[in-house]
Amino acid sequence: MAKAVTKDKTGPDGPEDDMAESDAAGAPQAVIKRGDILDAMAARSALKRGDLKTVLDLALDEIGRALDSGNDLILPPLGRVRLVKRKPGTVEVMTLRLRRKPAGSDDAPAEEAETEAVEA
């Protein structure tokens, strides 16, 4: 399913550039934030939330550094992430290609999905 990125220009303090994702039909998609990931990790692990936060922050920082350097990432079970193009500006926009196997199948061919990631 193709995703479209739209800009929401409303906010309590005036116009904002919040990015909201929607599918091709225009239905909004759920946005998963860092806290949501920490909650899920805490539910699946015996580690303390503070320790998980440190680990997650370090992992995200290393992923960001690798993308800044133009490196491909092979991160099972997520998949392979490749930088397709980069558009520098006040906020750098990177177009990434994520290649991964469908959930629950070990021998099925990999699917490809394109997404845009914004890095400050």
C-alpha atoms as a PDB file:
ATOM      1  CA  MET A   1       0.000   0.000   0.000  1.00  0.00           C
ATOM      2  CA  ALA A   2       1.471   3.354  -1.028  1.00  0.00           C
ATOM      3  CA  LYS A   3       1.800   6.070   1.595  1.00  0.00           C
ATOM      4  CA  ALA A   4       1.472   9.775   0.974  1.00  0.00           C
ATOM      5  CA  VAL A   5       3.024  12.388   3.247  1.00  0.00           C
ATOM      6  CA  THR A   6       0.882  15.461   3.882  1.00  0.00           C
ATOM      7  CA  LYS A   7       1.561  18.623   5.843  1.00  0.00           C
ATOM      8  CA  ASP A   8      -0.828  19.777   8.548  1.00  0.00           C
ATOM      9  CA  LYS A   9      -0.741  23.568   8.815  1.00  0.00           C
ATOM     10  CA  THR A  10      -2.853  23.945  11.964  1.00  0.00           C
ATOM     11  CA  GLY A  11      -1.670  24.212  15.515  1.00  0.00           C
ATOM     12  CA  PRO A  12      -2.364  26.002  18.796  1.00  0.00           C
ATOM     13  CA  ASP A  13       0.398  28.559  18.152  1.00  0.00           C
ATOM     14  CA  GLY A  14      -0.330  29.104  14.447  1.00  0.00           C
ATOM     15  CA  PRO A  15       0.888  27.307  11.319  1.00  0.00           C
ATOM     16  CA  GLU A  16       3.144  24.302  11.840  1.00  0.00           C
ATOM     17  CA  ASP A  17       4.937  21.817   9.586  1.00  0.00           C
ATOM     18  CA  ASP A  18       3.806  18.621  11.314  1.00  0.00           C
ATOM     19  CA  MET A  19       4.155  15.589   9.057  1.00  0.00           C
ATOM     20  CA  ALA A  20       1.173  13.228   9.038  1.00  0.00           C
ATOM     21  CA  GLU A  21       1.189   9.974   7.118  1.00  0.00           C
ATOM     22  CA  SER A  22      -1.786   8.663   5.221  1.00  0.00           C
ATOM     23  CA  ASP A  23      -2.302   5.761   2.867  1.00  0.00           C
ATOM     24  CA  ALA A  24      -3.226   6.156  -0.818  1.00  0.00           C
ATOM     25  CA  ALA A  25      -6.934   6.402   0.104  1.00  0.00           C
ATOM     26  CA  GLY A  26      -6.204   9.306   2.474  1.00  0.00           C
ATOM     27  CA  ALA A  27      -6.879   7.416   5.728  1.00  0.00           C
ATOM     28  CA  PRO A  28      -4.465   8.481   8.503  1.00  0.00           C
ATOM     29  CA  GLN A  29      -1.906   5.896   9.644  1.00  0.00           C
ATOM     30  CA  ALA A  30      -0.788   5.432  13.232  1.00  0.00           C
ATOM     31  CA  VAL A  31       2.446   7.176  14.174  1.00  0.00           C
ATOM     32  CA  ILE A  32       4.685   5.204  16.512  1.00  0.00           C
ATOM     33  CA  LYS A  33       6.861   7.365  18.729  1.00  0.00           C
ATOM     34  CA  ARG A  34       9.935   6.594  20.805  1.00  0.00           C
ATOM     35  CA  GLY A  35       7.872   6.196  23.982  1.00  0.00           C
ATOM     36  CA  ASP A  36       5.646   3.627  22.270  1.00  0.00           C
ATOM     37  CA  ILE A  37       8.716   1.609  21.304  1.00  0.00           C
ATOM     38  CA  LEU A  38      10.045   1.848  24.877  1.00  0.00           C
ATOM     39  CA  ASP A  39       6.703   0.603  26.239  1.00  0.00           C
ATOM     40  CA  ALA A  40       6.732  -2.360  23.842  1.00  0.00           C
ATOM     41  CA  MET A  41      10.350  -3.173  24.709  1.00  0.00           C
ATOM     42  CA  ALA A  42       9.598  -2.981  28.446  1.00  0.00           C
ATOM     43  CA  ALA A  43       6.661  -5.376  28.015  1.00  0.00           C
ATOM     44  CA  ARG A  44       8.906  -7.918  26.234  1.00  0.00           C
ATOM     45  CA  SER A  45      11.962  -7.566  28.465  1.00  0.00           C
ATOM     46  CA  ALA A  46      12.968  -7.844  32.110  1.00  0.00           C
ATOM     47  CA  LEU A  47      15.175  -4.761  31.786  1.00  0.00           C
ATOM     48  CA  LYS A  48      14.312  -1.462  33.468  1.00  0.00           C
ATOM     49  CA  ARG A  49      12.721   1.222  31.295  1.00  0.00           C
ATOM     50  CA  GLY A  50      15.641   3.590  32.020  1.00  0.00           C
ATOM     51  CA  ASP A  51      18.136   1.012  30.762  1.00  0.00           C
ATOM     52  CA  LEU A  52      16.005   0.357  27.684  1.00  0.00           C
ATOM     53  CA  LYS A  53      15.865   4.107  26.976  1.00  0.00           C
ATOM     54  CA  THR A  54      19.662   4.303  27.031  1.00  0.00           C
ATOM     55  CA  VAL A  55      19.997   1.300  24.703  1.00  0.00           C
ATOM     56  CA  LEU A  56      17.356   2.625  22.286  1.00  0.00           C
ATOM     57  CA  ASP A  57      18.924   6.100  22.198  1.00  0.00           C
ATOM     58  CA  LEU A  58      22.366   4.641  21.492  1.00  0.00           C
ATOM     59  CA  ALA A  59      21.009   2.362  18.755  1.00  0.00           C
ATOM     60  CA  LEU A  60      19.089   5.202  17.069  1.00  0.00           C
ATOM     61  CA  ASP A  61      22.160   7.447  17.276  1.00  0.00           C
ATOM     62  CA  GLU A  62      24.339   4.801  15.596  1.00  0.00           C
ATOM     63  CA  ILE A  63      21.716   4.249  12.876  1.00  0.00           C
ATOM     64  CA  GLY A  64      21.607   8.009  12.275  1.00  0.00           C
ATOM     65  CA  ARG A  65      25.401   8.204  12.052  1.00  0.00           C
ATOM     66  CA  ALA A  66      25.506   5.320   9.569  1.00  0.00           C
ATOM     67  CA  LEU A  67      22.873   7.004   7.388  1.00  0.00           C
ATOM     68  CA  ASP A  68      24.744  10.326   7.606  1.00  0.00           C
ATOM     69  CA  SER A  69      27.836   8.509   6.302  1.00  0.00           C
ATOM     70  CA  GLY A  70      25.844   7.004   3.425  1.00  0.00           C
ATOM     71  CA  ASN A  71      26.262   3.436   4.677  1.00  0.00           C
ATOM     72  CA  ASP A  72      23.771   0.645   4.009  1.00  0.00           C
ATOM     73  CA  LEU A  73      22.369  -1.035   7.110  1.00  0.00           C
ATOM     74  CA  ILE A  74      21.637  -4.733   7.495  1.00  0.00           C
ATOM     75  CA  LEU A  75      19.529  -4.983  10.639  1.00  0.00           C
ATOM     76  CA  PRO A  76      17.738  -8.296  11.118  1.00  0.00           C
ATOM     77  CA  PRO A  77      14.849  -8.689  11.752  1.00  0.00           C
ATOM     78  CA  LEU A  78      14.062  -5.193  10.374  1.00  0.00           C
ATOM     79  CA  GLY A  79      15.820  -5.820   7.067  1.00  0.00           C
ATOM     80  CA  ARG A  80      18.217  -3.955   4.794  1.00  0.00           C
ATOM     81  CA  VAL A  81      18.090  -0.152   4.683  1.00  0.00           C
ATOM     82  CA  ARG A  82      19.687   1.688   1.786  1.00  0.00           C
ATOM     83  CA  LEU A  83      19.984   5.454   1.276  1.00  0.00           C
ATOM     84  CA  VAL A  84      18.467   6.231  -2.130  1.00  0.00           C
ATOM     85  CA  LYS A  85      18.813  10.018  -2.197  1.00  0.00           C
ATOM     86  CA  ARG A  86      19.535  12.916   0.089  1.00  0.00           C
ATOM     87  CA  LYS A  87      18.176  16.458  -0.055  1.00  0.00           C
ATOM     88  CA  PRO A  88      20.076  18.812   2.248  1.00  0.00           C
ATOM     89  CA  GLY A  89      18.445  21.918   3.661  1.00  0.00           C
ATOM     90  CA  THR A  90      17.484  23.307   7.052  1.00  0.00           C
ATOM     91  CA  VAL A  91      16.093  19.815   7.676  1.00  0.00           C
ATOM     92  CA  GLU A  92      17.785  17.035   5.736  1.00  0.00           C
ATOM     93  CA  VAL A  93      15.353  14.760   3.882  1.00  0.00           C
ATOM     94  CA  MET A  94      16.568  11.251   3.124  1.00  0.00           C
ATOM     95  CA  THR A  95      14.771   8.816   0.871  1.00  0.00           C
ATOM     96  CA  LEU A  96      15.426   5.304   2.114  1.00  0.00           C
ATOM     97  CA  ARG A  97      14.644   1.894   0.666  1.00  0.00           C
ATOM     98  CA  LEU A  98      13.750  -0.792   3.161  1.00  0.00           C
ATOM     99  CA  ARG A  99      13.939  -4.366   1.934  1.00  0.00           C
ATOM    100  CA  ARG A 100      12.536  -7.037   4.207  1.00  0.00           C
ATOM    101  CA  LYS A 101      10.903 -10.425   4.208  1.00  0.00           C
ATOM    102  CA  PRO A 102       7.159 -10.588   4.841  1.00  0.00           C
ATOM    103  CA  ALA A 103       6.236 -11.286   8.454  1.00  0.00           C
ATOM    104  CA  GLY A 104       6.049 -14.966   9.312  1.00  0.00           C
ATOM    105  CA  SER A 105       7.806 -16.323   6.216  1.00  0.00           C
ATOM    106  CA  ASP A 106      11.440 -17.368   6.117  1.00  0.00           C
ATOM    107  CA  ASP A 107      11.636 -18.464   2.461  1.00  0.00           C
ATOM    108  CA  ALA A 108       9.325 -15.909   0.802  1.00  0.00           C
ATOM    109  CA  PRO A 109      10.835 -13.276  -1.524  1.00  0.00           C
ATOM    110  CA  ALA A 110      11.620  -9.946   0.074  1.00  0.00           C
ATOM    111  CA  GLU A 111       9.236  -7.014  -0.305  1.00  0.00           C
ATOM    112  CA  GLU A 112      10.468  -3.522  -0.998  1.00  0.00           C
ATOM    113  CA  ALA A 113       8.993  -0.396   0.484  1.00  0.00           C
ATOM    114  CA  GLU A 114      10.098   3.193   0.046  1.00  0.00           C
ATOM    115  CA  THR A 115       9.745   5.776   2.746  1.00  0.00           C
ATOM    116  CA  GLU A 116      11.053   9.258   3.485  1.00  0.00           C
ATOM    117  CA  ALA A 117      12.793   9.901   6.760  1.00  0.00           C
ATOM    118  CA  VAL A 118      13.397  13.375   8.094  1.00  0.00           C
ATOM    119  CA  GLU A 119      16.487  13.914  10.176  1.00  0.00           C
ATOM    120  CA  ALA A 120      17.150  17.139  12.054  1.00  0.00           C
END
